[in-house]
Every structure is written in structure tokens, then in C-alpha cells.
Amino acid sequence: MNKYKVEITEYHQRVIEVDAESEEDAISMVKEDYRKENIVLDDFDLTGLDIEIYNPNKFNKWFQIRCFMHLISLYKAFLF
């Protein structure tokens, strides 16, 4: 019998409505509330689930893509 590492990933999502002066302010307010744990996602917010064989390189690839996308957004902001 072989041993396998199986990874379980849950995806949660909730729409929060806030009154704010701008979109940036709205995002900042929700981020702050989330950071302070005033907003806590739970089972009712579950939108998806992945169960797959664990791949230790998966996060590294995801992180590299996120960094690349962030660099592109900074580059675009610098040009415009």
C-alpha cells in the first residue's frame, strides 16, 4: 500500500455592501474590517472545493504568476 498526500482547498466568497466616497475607500474599509475579523467567511460562503494530489510546486507557480501580474500593473501605472 502506498501513502499519498491529498490537498483540500476551499473557496469562500461574500459580497459586502458599504457606503464609501470611492471604490478605493470601499475596498480599504472592507479590508480593514476583514483584518480585524469583523468579517469572517464561513460555511455559507463556500463557493468551491478542490481535492487533488498534493503538489509542493503548485504554490510557487501561483506565487510567481501573482508577482508577475503585480509587476505588470506597476509597469502600466508607471507608463500612464
Protein backbone atom coordinates (compact mmCIF):
# COMPACT_ATOMS: atom_id res chain seq x y z
CA MET A 1 0.00 0.00 0.00
CA ASN A 2 1.30 3.49 -0.91
CA LYS A 3 0.95 6.76 1.01
CA TYR A 4 -0.34 9.86 -0.73
CA LYS A 5 -0.67 13.48 0.31
CA VAL A 6 -4.04 14.84 -0.74
CA GLU A 7 -4.68 18.57 -0.70
CA ILE A 8 -8.10 20.06 0.09
CA THR A 9 -8.72 23.66 -0.98
CA GLU A 10 -11.91 25.54 -0.14
CA TYR A 11 -13.02 28.73 -1.86
CA HIS A 12 -15.19 31.21 0.04
CA GLN A 13 -16.80 34.39 -1.23
CA ARG A 14 -19.16 37.02 0.16
CA VAL A 15 -20.35 40.34 -1.23
CA ILE A 16 -20.18 43.17 1.31
CA GLU A 17 -22.08 46.40 0.72
CA VAL A 18 -20.58 49.56 2.22
CA ASP A 19 -21.12 53.31 1.95
CA ALA A 20 -17.89 55.00 0.87
CA GLU A 21 -16.62 58.05 -1.01
CA SER A 22 -14.86 55.95 -3.68
CA GLU A 23 -14.18 52.38 -4.78
CA GLU A 24 -10.73 52.58 -3.19
CA ASP A 25 -12.25 53.68 0.12
CA ALA A 26 -14.79 50.85 -0.05
CA ILE A 27 -12.05 48.28 -0.58
CA SER A 28 -9.94 49.78 2.22
CA MET A 29 -12.89 49.69 4.62
CA VAL A 30 -13.68 46.05 3.86
CA LYS A 31 -10.00 45.04 4.06
CA GLU A 32 -9.75 46.69 7.47
CA ASP A 33 -12.94 45.01 8.73
CA TYR A 34 -11.67 41.66 7.42
CA ARG A 35 -8.28 42.18 9.07
CA LYS A 36 -9.97 43.00 12.38
CA GLU A 37 -12.10 39.85 11.96
CA ASN A 38 -15.33 41.86 11.82
CA ILE A 39 -15.96 39.94 8.61
CA VAL A 40 -15.44 36.18 8.89
CA LEU A 41 -16.32 33.91 5.99
CA ASP A 42 -17.99 30.66 6.98
CA ASP A 43 -19.59 27.53 5.52
CA PHE A 44 -22.43 29.55 3.98
CA ASP A 45 -19.85 31.43 1.88
CA LEU A 46 -18.38 28.27 0.34
CA THR A 47 -18.31 28.62 -3.46
CA GLY A 48 -15.98 25.82 -4.48
CA LEU A 49 -13.83 22.91 -3.43
CA ASP A 50 -10.79 21.18 -4.95
CA ILE A 51 -9.43 17.84 -3.78
CA GLU A 52 -6.26 16.72 -5.54
CA ILE A 53 -2.90 15.07 -5.02
CA TYR A 54 -0.61 17.50 -3.19
CA ASN A 55 1.92 19.27 -5.41
CA PRO A 56 4.56 21.21 -3.42
CA ASN A 57 5.38 23.33 -6.50
CA LYS A 58 1.80 24.48 -7.01
CA PHE A 59 2.06 27.44 -4.61
CA ASN A 60 5.38 28.53 -6.07
CA LYS A 61 3.88 28.69 -9.58
CA TRP A 62 0.82 30.58 -8.28
CA PHE A 63 3.06 32.99 -6.36
CA GLN A 64 5.25 33.59 -9.41
CA ILE A 65 2.20 34.36 -11.54
CA ARG A 66 0.81 36.77 -8.92
CA CYS A 67 4.17 38.57 -8.67
CA PHE A 68 4.37 38.82 -12.46
CA MET A 69 0.84 40.23 -12.67
CA HIS A 70 1.67 42.75 -9.93
CA LEU A 71 4.78 43.87 -11.82
CA ILE A 72 2.70 44.35 -14.97
CA SER A 73 0.20 46.51 -13.09
CA LEU A 74 3.03 48.62 -11.65
CA TYR A 75 4.56 48.97 -15.09
CA LYS A 76 1.21 50.09 -16.56
CA ALA A 77 0.74 52.59 -13.73
CA PHE A 78 4.22 53.97 -14.36
CA LEU A 79 3.55 54.39 -18.10
CA PHE A 80 0.20 56.12 -17.64
